[in-house]
Amino acid sequence: MTEVTFFVKEATTEPEIQQIEQLLNEYDGMERVLIDTDDGELKIEFDENIITEEQIATALIEQNYLIH
């Protein structure tokens, strides 16, 4: 299992957090998605044999989330 951290500017309100969690949990290989509402920090645990960090980042970008 691998862990990656992204910061998503929009991930500080309940509706956005729910949308991000729903989006990411649709992908095979996702183990856990934790979001800090104070600063938009996403900690994502995933199976690197099924999905990559780049695929996760692309999924967020395609939904118009700004990651850094």
PDB file of N, CA and C in Angstrom:
ATOM      1  N   MET A   1       0.838  -1.175   0.000  1.00  0.00           N
ATOM      2  CA  MET A   1       0.000   0.000   0.000  1.00  0.00           C
ATOM      3  C   MET A   1       0.885   1.242   0.000  1.00  0.00           C
ATOM      4  N   THR A   2       0.464   2.235  -0.734  1.00  0.00           N
ATOM      5  CA  THR A   2       1.198   3.483  -0.870  1.00  0.00           C
ATOM      6  C   THR A   2       0.335   4.623  -0.365  1.00  0.00           C
ATOM      7  N   GLU A   3       0.981   5.663   0.139  1.00  0.00           N
ATOM      8  CA  GLU A   3       0.256   6.854   0.590  1.00  0.00           C
ATOM      9  C   GLU A   3       0.787   8.067  -0.161  1.00  0.00           C
ATOM     10  N   VAL A   4      -0.131   8.948  -0.557  1.00  0.00           N
ATOM     11  CA  VAL A   4       0.238  10.193  -1.209  1.00  0.00           C
ATOM     12  C   VAL A   4      -0.561  11.320  -0.555  1.00  0.00           C
ATOM     13  N   THR A   5       0.017  12.506  -0.548  1.00  0.00           N
ATOM     14  CA  THR A   5      -0.665  13.680  -0.003  1.00  0.00           C
ATOM     15  C   THR A   5      -0.764  14.742  -1.075  1.00  0.00           C
ATOM     16  N   PHE A   6      -1.973  15.256  -1.255  1.00  0.00           N
ATOM     17  CA  PHE A   6      -2.229  16.381  -2.141  1.00  0.00           C
ATOM     18  C   PHE A   6      -2.908  17.459  -1.316  1.00  0.00           C
ATOM     19  N   PHE A   7      -2.779  18.682  -1.761  1.00  0.00           N
ATOM     20  CA  PHE A   7      -3.555  19.774  -1.187  1.00  0.00           C
ATOM     21  C   PHE A   7      -4.507  20.261  -2.267  1.00  0.00           C
ATOM     22  N   VAL A   8      -5.800  20.285  -1.938  1.00  0.00           N
ATOM     23  CA  VAL A   8      -6.828  20.714  -2.879  1.00  0.00           C
ATOM     24  C   VAL A   8      -7.528  21.918  -2.275  1.00  0.00           C
ATOM     25  N   LYS A   9      -7.371  23.045  -2.940  1.00  0.00           N
ATOM     26  CA  LYS A   9      -7.902  24.319  -2.433  1.00  0.00           C
ATOM     27  C   LYS A   9      -9.388  24.230  -2.101  1.00  0.00           C
ATOM     28  N   GLU A  10     -10.148  23.526  -2.949  1.00  0.00           N
ATOM     29  CA  GLU A  10     -11.597  23.467  -2.788  1.00  0.00           C
ATOM     30  C   GLU A  10     -12.059  22.508  -1.691  1.00  0.00           C
ATOM     31  N   ALA A  11     -11.172  21.722  -1.121  1.00  0.00           N
ATOM     32  CA  ALA A  11     -11.548  20.679  -0.163  1.00  0.00           C
ATOM     33  C   ALA A  11     -11.675  21.203   1.261  1.00  0.00           C
ATOM     34  N   THR A  12     -12.382  22.300   1.428  1.00  0.00           N
ATOM     35  CA  THR A  12     -12.546  22.856   2.774  1.00  0.00           C
ATOM     36  C   THR A  12     -14.017  23.013   3.158  1.00  0.00           C
ATOM     37  N   THR A  13     -14.933  22.635   2.279  1.00  0.00           N
ATOM     38  CA  THR A  13     -16.361  22.691   2.598  1.00  0.00           C
ATOM     39  C   THR A  13     -16.947  21.287   2.489  1.00  0.00           C
ATOM     40  N   GLU A  14     -17.986  21.037   3.249  1.00  0.00           N
ATOM     41  CA  GLU A  14     -18.575  19.699   3.299  1.00  0.00           C
ATOM     42  C   GLU A  14     -19.025  19.170   1.934  1.00  0.00           C
ATOM     43  N   PRO A  15     -19.710  19.977   1.120  1.00  0.00           N
ATOM     44  CA  PRO A  15     -20.123  19.437  -0.186  1.00  0.00           C
ATOM     45  C   PRO A  15     -18.937  19.042  -1.071  1.00  0.00           C
ATOM     46  N   GLU A  16     -17.907  19.851  -1.089  1.00  0.00           N
ATOM     47  CA  GLU A  16     -16.727  19.540  -1.903  1.00  0.00           C
ATOM     48  C   GLU A  16     -16.002  18.308  -1.377  1.00  0.00           C
ATOM     49  N   ILE A  17     -15.906  18.194  -0.078  1.00  0.00           N
ATOM     50  CA  ILE A  17     -15.242  17.037   0.529  1.00  0.00           C
ATOM     51  C   ILE A  17     -15.977  15.758   0.151  1.00  0.00           C
ATOM     52  N   GLN A  18     -17.302  15.789   0.229  1.00  0.00           N
ATOM     53  CA  GLN A  18     -18.086  14.610  -0.131  1.00  0.00           C
ATOM     54  C   GLN A  18     -17.913  14.257  -1.601  1.00  0.00           C
ATOM     55  N   GLN A  19     -17.860  15.260  -2.460  1.00  0.00           N
ATOM     56  CA  GLN A  19     -17.674  15.005  -3.886  1.00  0.00           C
ATOM     57  C   GLN A  19     -16.307  14.383  -4.165  1.00  0.00           C
ATOM     58  N   ILE A  20     -15.285  14.893  -3.511  1.00  0.00           N
ATOM     59  CA  ILE A  20     -13.934  14.360  -3.706  1.00  0.00           C
ATOM     60  C   ILE A  20     -13.852  12.924  -3.204  1.00  0.00           C
ATOM     61  N   GLU A  21     -14.406  12.667  -2.010  1.00  0.00           N
ATOM     62  CA  GLU A  21     -14.385  11.312  -1.469  1.00  0.00           C
ATOM     63  C   GLU A  21     -15.132  10.351  -2.391  1.00  0.00           C
ATOM     64  N   GLN A  22     -16.289  10.765  -2.866  1.00  0.00           N
ATOM     65  CA  GLN A  22     -17.073   9.924  -3.765  1.00  0.00           C
ATOM     66  C   GLN A  22     -16.311   9.651  -5.060  1.00  0.00           C
ATOM     67  N   LEU A  23     -15.725  10.684  -5.627  1.00  0.00           N
ATOM     68  CA  LEU A  23     -14.951  10.540  -6.859  1.00  0.00           C
ATOM     69  C   LEU A  23     -13.822   9.530  -6.679  1.00  0.00           C
ATOM     70  N   LEU A  24     -13.018   9.714  -5.650  1.00  0.00           N
ATOM     71  CA  LEU A  24     -11.845   8.866  -5.473  1.00  0.00           C
ATOM     72  C   LEU A  24     -12.214   7.433  -5.106  1.00  0.00           C
ATOM     73  N   ASN A  25     -13.265   7.267  -4.317  1.00  0.00           N
ATOM     74  CA  ASN A  25     -13.656   5.924  -3.904  1.00  0.00           C
ATOM     75  C   ASN A  25     -14.265   5.100  -5.037  1.00  0.00           C
ATOM     76  N   GLU A  26     -14.559   5.729  -6.166  1.00  0.00           N
ATOM     77  CA  GLU A  26     -15.056   4.997  -7.335  1.00  0.00           C
ATOM     78  C   GLU A  26     -13.944   4.200  -8.013  1.00  0.00           C
ATOM     79  N   TYR A  27     -12.701   4.548  -7.759  1.00  0.00           N
ATOM     80  CA  TYR A  27     -11.579   3.900  -8.419  1.00  0.00           C
ATOM     81  C   TYR A  27     -11.142   2.652  -7.661  1.00  0.00           C
ATOM     82  N   ASP A  28     -10.886   1.587  -8.433  1.00  0.00           N
ATOM     83  CA  ASP A  28     -10.333   0.376  -7.847  1.00  0.00           C
ATOM     84  C   ASP A  28      -8.950   0.684  -7.295  1.00  0.00           C
ATOM     85  N   GLY A  29      -8.633   0.076  -6.175  1.00  0.00           N
ATOM     86  CA  GLY A  29      -7.317   0.249  -5.578  1.00  0.00           C
ATOM     87  C   GLY A  29      -7.270   1.283  -4.474  1.00  0.00           C
ATOM     88  N   MET A  30      -8.346   2.052  -4.299  1.00  0.00           N
ATOM     89  CA  MET A  30      -8.373   3.039  -3.220  1.00  0.00           C
ATOM     90  C   MET A  30      -8.595   2.322  -1.893  1.00  0.00           C
ATOM     91  N   GLU A  31      -7.763   2.614  -0.925  1.00  0.00           N
ATOM     92  CA  GLU A  31      -7.900   2.017   0.391  1.00  0.00           C
ATOM     93  C   GLU A  31      -8.559   2.988   1.377  1.00  0.00           C
ATOM     94  N   ARG A  32      -8.069   4.248   1.368  1.00  0.00           N
ATOM     95  CA  ARG A  32      -8.595   5.221   2.332  1.00  0.00           C
ATOM     96  C   ARG A  32      -8.333   6.630   1.821  1.00  0.00           C
ATOM     97  N   VAL A  33      -9.316   7.514   2.033  1.00  0.00           N
ATOM     98  CA  VAL A  33      -9.191   8.923   1.670  1.00  0.00           C
ATOM     99  C   VAL A  33      -9.507   9.733   2.920  1.00  0.00           C
ATOM    100  N   LEU A  34      -8.537  10.494   3.387  1.00  0.00           N
ATOM    101  CA  LEU A  34      -8.723  11.366   4.552  1.00  0.00           C
ATOM    102  C   LEU A  34      -8.528  12.811   4.108  1.00  0.00           C
ATOM    103  N   ILE A  35      -9.443  13.688   4.525  1.00  0.00           N
ATOM    104  CA  ILE A  35      -9.366  15.083   4.115  1.00  0.00           C
ATOM    105  C   ILE A  35      -9.389  15.977   5.346  1.00  0.00           C
ATOM    106  N   ASP A  36      -8.401  16.861   5.436  1.00  0.00           N
ATOM    107  CA  ASP A  36      -8.328  17.859   6.509  1.00  0.00           C
ATOM    108  C   ASP A  36      -9.048  19.114   6.035  1.00  0.00           C
ATOM    109  N   THR A  37     -10.152  19.445   6.684  1.00  0.00           N
ATOM    110  CA  THR A  37     -10.973  20.571   6.249  1.00  0.00           C
ATOM    111  C   THR A  37     -10.315  21.924   6.493  1.00  0.00           C
ATOM    112  N   ASP A  38      -9.317  21.978   7.348  1.00  0.00           N
ATOM    113  CA  ASP A  38      -8.669  23.259   7.637  1.00  0.00           C
ATOM    114  C   ASP A  38      -7.838  23.769   6.463  1.00  0.00           C
ATOM    115  N   ASP A  39      -7.108  22.854   5.833  1.00  0.00           N
ATOM    116  CA  ASP A  39      -6.203  23.298   4.772  1.00  0.00           C
ATOM    117  C   ASP A  39      -6.370  22.541   3.453  1.00  0.00           C
ATOM    118  N   GLY A  40      -7.373  21.660   3.351  1.00  0.00           N
ATOM    119  CA  GLY A  40      -7.612  20.938   2.108  1.00  0.00           C
ATOM    120  C   GLY A  40      -6.608  19.833   1.836  1.00  0.00           C
ATOM    121  N   GLU A  41      -5.967  19.334   2.883  1.00  0.00           N
ATOM    122  CA  GLU A  41      -4.983  18.268   2.710  1.00  0.00           C
ATOM    123  C   GLU A  41      -5.694  16.931   2.510  1.00  0.00           C
ATOM    124  N   LEU A  42      -5.350  16.231   1.436  1.00  0.00           N
ATOM    125  CA  LEU A  42      -5.880  14.904   1.154  1.00  0.00           C
ATOM    126  C   LEU A  42      -4.775  13.897   1.380  1.00  0.00           C
ATOM    127  N   LYS A  43      -5.019  12.938   2.260  1.00  0.00           N
ATOM    128  CA  LYS A  43      -4.103  11.811   2.430  1.00  0.00           C
ATOM    129  C   LYS A  43      -4.819  10.609   1.853  1.00  0.00           C
ATOM    130  N   ILE A  44      -4.194  10.019   0.859  1.00  0.00           N
ATOM    131  CA  ILE A  44      -4.825   8.936   0.120  1.00  0.00           C
ATOM    132  C   ILE A  44      -3.949   7.697   0.224  1.00  0.00           C
ATOM    133  N   GLU A  45      -4.543   6.614   0.687  1.00  0.00           N
ATOM    134  CA  GLU A  45      -3.855   5.321   0.698  1.00  0.00           C
ATOM    135  C   GLU A  45      -4.441   4.489  -0.427  1.00  0.00           C
ATOM    136  N   PHE A  46      -3.545   3.890  -1.221  1.00  0.00           N
ATOM    137  CA  PHE A  46      -3.999   3.136  -2.382  1.00  0.00           C
ATOM    138  C   PHE A  46      -3.056   1.986  -2.696  1.00  0.00           C
ATOM    139  N   ASP A  47      -3.556   1.048  -3.478  1.00  0.00           N
ATOM    140  CA  ASP A  47      -2.759  -0.091  -3.928  1.00  0.00           C
ATOM    141  C   ASP A  47      -2.074   0.298  -5.233  1.00  0.00           C
ATOM    142  N   GLU A  48      -0.780   0.490  -5.172  1.00  0.00           N
ATOM    143  CA  GLU A  48      -0.016   0.954  -6.341  1.00  0.00           C
ATOM    144  C   GLU A  48       0.016  -0.066  -7.471  1.00  0.00           C
ATOM    145  N   ASN A  49      -0.407  -1.297  -7.211  1.00  0.00           N
ATOM    146  CA  ASN A  49      -0.486  -2.312  -8.264  1.00  0.00           C
ATOM    147  C   ASN A  49      -1.759  -2.162  -9.098  1.00  0.00           C
ATOM    148  N   ILE A  50      -2.704  -1.358  -8.591  1.00  0.00           N
ATOM    149  CA  ILE A  50      -3.984  -1.187  -9.270  1.00  0.00           C
ATOM    150  C   ILE A  50      -4.135   0.223  -9.841  1.00  0.00           C
ATOM    151  N   ILE A  51      -3.696   1.228  -9.096  1.00  0.00           N
ATOM    152  CA  ILE A  51      -3.830   2.623  -9.519  1.00  0.00           C
ATOM    153  C   ILE A  51      -2.555   3.372  -9.137  1.00  0.00           C
ATOM    154  N   THR A  52      -2.218   4.391  -9.917  1.00  0.00           N
ATOM    155  CA  THR A  52      -0.984   5.142  -9.654  1.00  0.00           C
ATOM    156  C   THR A  52      -1.309   6.534  -9.114  1.00  0.00           C
ATOM    157  N   GLU A  53      -0.294   7.156  -8.532  1.00  0.00           N
ATOM    158  CA  GLU A  53      -0.418   8.528  -8.049  1.00  0.00           C
ATOM    159  C   GLU A  53      -0.818   9.462  -9.189  1.00  0.00           C
ATOM    160  N   GLU A  54      -0.246   9.243 -10.353  1.00  0.00           N
ATOM    161  CA  GLU A  54      -0.553  10.082 -11.515  1.00  0.00           C
ATOM    162  C   GLU A  54      -2.013   9.952 -11.936  1.00  0.00           C
ATOM    163  N   GLN A  55      -2.547   8.730 -11.876  1.00  0.00           N
ATOM    164  CA  GLN A  55      -3.951   8.524 -12.226  1.00  0.00           C
ATOM    165  C   GLN A  55      -4.879   9.221 -11.234  1.00  0.00           C
ATOM    166  N   ILE A  56      -4.506   9.217  -9.975  1.00  0.00           N
ATOM    167  CA  ILE A  56      -5.302   9.897  -8.949  1.00  0.00           C
ATOM    168  C   ILE A  56      -5.279  11.400  -9.201  1.00  0.00           C
ATOM    169  N   ALA A  57      -4.095  11.945  -9.445  1.00  0.00           N
ATOM    170  CA  ALA A  57      -3.971  13.381  -9.717  1.00  0.00           C
ATOM    171  C   ALA A  57      -4.773  13.762 -10.957  1.00  0.00           C
ATOM    172  N   THR A  58      -4.694  12.945 -11.995  1.00  0.00           N
ATOM    173  CA  THR A  58      -5.436  13.217 -13.225  1.00  0.00           C
ATOM    174  C   THR A  58      -6.934  13.209 -12.974  1.00  0.00           C
ATOM    175  N   ALA A  59      -7.410  12.281 -12.169  1.00  0.00           N
ATOM    176  CA  ALA A  59      -8.844  12.211 -11.856  1.00  0.00           C
ATOM    177  C   ALA A  59      -9.313  13.498 -11.180  1.00  0.00           C
ATOM    178  N   LEU A  60      -8.504  14.021 -10.269  1.00  0.00           N
ATOM    179  CA  LEU A  60      -8.861  15.271  -9.586  1.00  0.00           C
ATOM    180  C   LEU A  60      -8.828  16.452 -10.554  1.00  0.00           C
ATOM    181  N   ILE A  61      -7.790  16.521 -11.350  1.00  0.00           N
ATOM    182  CA  ILE A  61      -7.649  17.632 -12.316  1.00  0.00           C
ATOM    183  C   ILE A  61      -8.783  17.628 -13.326  1.00  0.00           C
ATOM    184  N   GLU A  62      -9.172  16.445 -13.776  1.00  0.00           N
ATOM    185  CA  GLU A  62     -10.262  16.340 -14.757  1.00  0.00           C
ATOM    186  C   GLU A  62     -11.593  16.835 -14.199  1.00  0.00           C
ATOM    187  N   GLN A  63     -11.712  16.847 -12.879  1.00  0.00           N
ATOM    188  CA  GLN A  63     -12.928  17.375 -12.238  1.00  0.00           C
ATOM    189  C   GLN A  63     -12.744  18.835 -11.810  1.00  0.00           C
ATOM    190  N   ASN A  64     -11.705  19.463 -12.350  1.00  0.00           N
ATOM    191  CA  ASN A  64     -11.410  20.886 -12.120  1.00  0.00           C
ATOM    192  C   ASN A  64     -10.986  21.228 -10.700  1.00  0.00           C
ATOM    193  N   TYR A  65     -10.375  20.266 -10.009  1.00  0.00           N
ATOM    194  CA  TYR A  65      -9.806  20.565  -8.707  1.00  0.00           C
ATOM    195  C   TYR A  65      -8.352  20.986  -8.903  1.00  0.00           C
ATOM    196  N   LEU A  66      -7.954  22.019  -8.171  1.00  0.00           N
ATOM    197  CA  LEU A  66      -6.578  22.505  -8.255  1.00  0.00           C
ATOM    198  C   LEU A  66      -5.770  21.818  -7.175  1.00  0.00           C
ATOM    199  N   ILE A  67      -4.823  20.992  -7.591  1.00  0.00           N
ATOM    200  CA  ILE A  67      -3.991  20.289  -6.609  1.00  0.00           C
ATOM    201  C   ILE A  67      -2.603  20.892  -6.574  1.00  0.00           C
ATOM    202  N   HIS A  68      -2.005  20.793  -5.417  1.00  0.00           N
ATOM    203  CA  HIS A  68      -0.611  21.218  -5.247  1.00  0.00           C
ATOM    204  C   HIS A  68      -0.006  20.452  -4.122  1.00  0.00           C
TER     205      HIS A  68
END
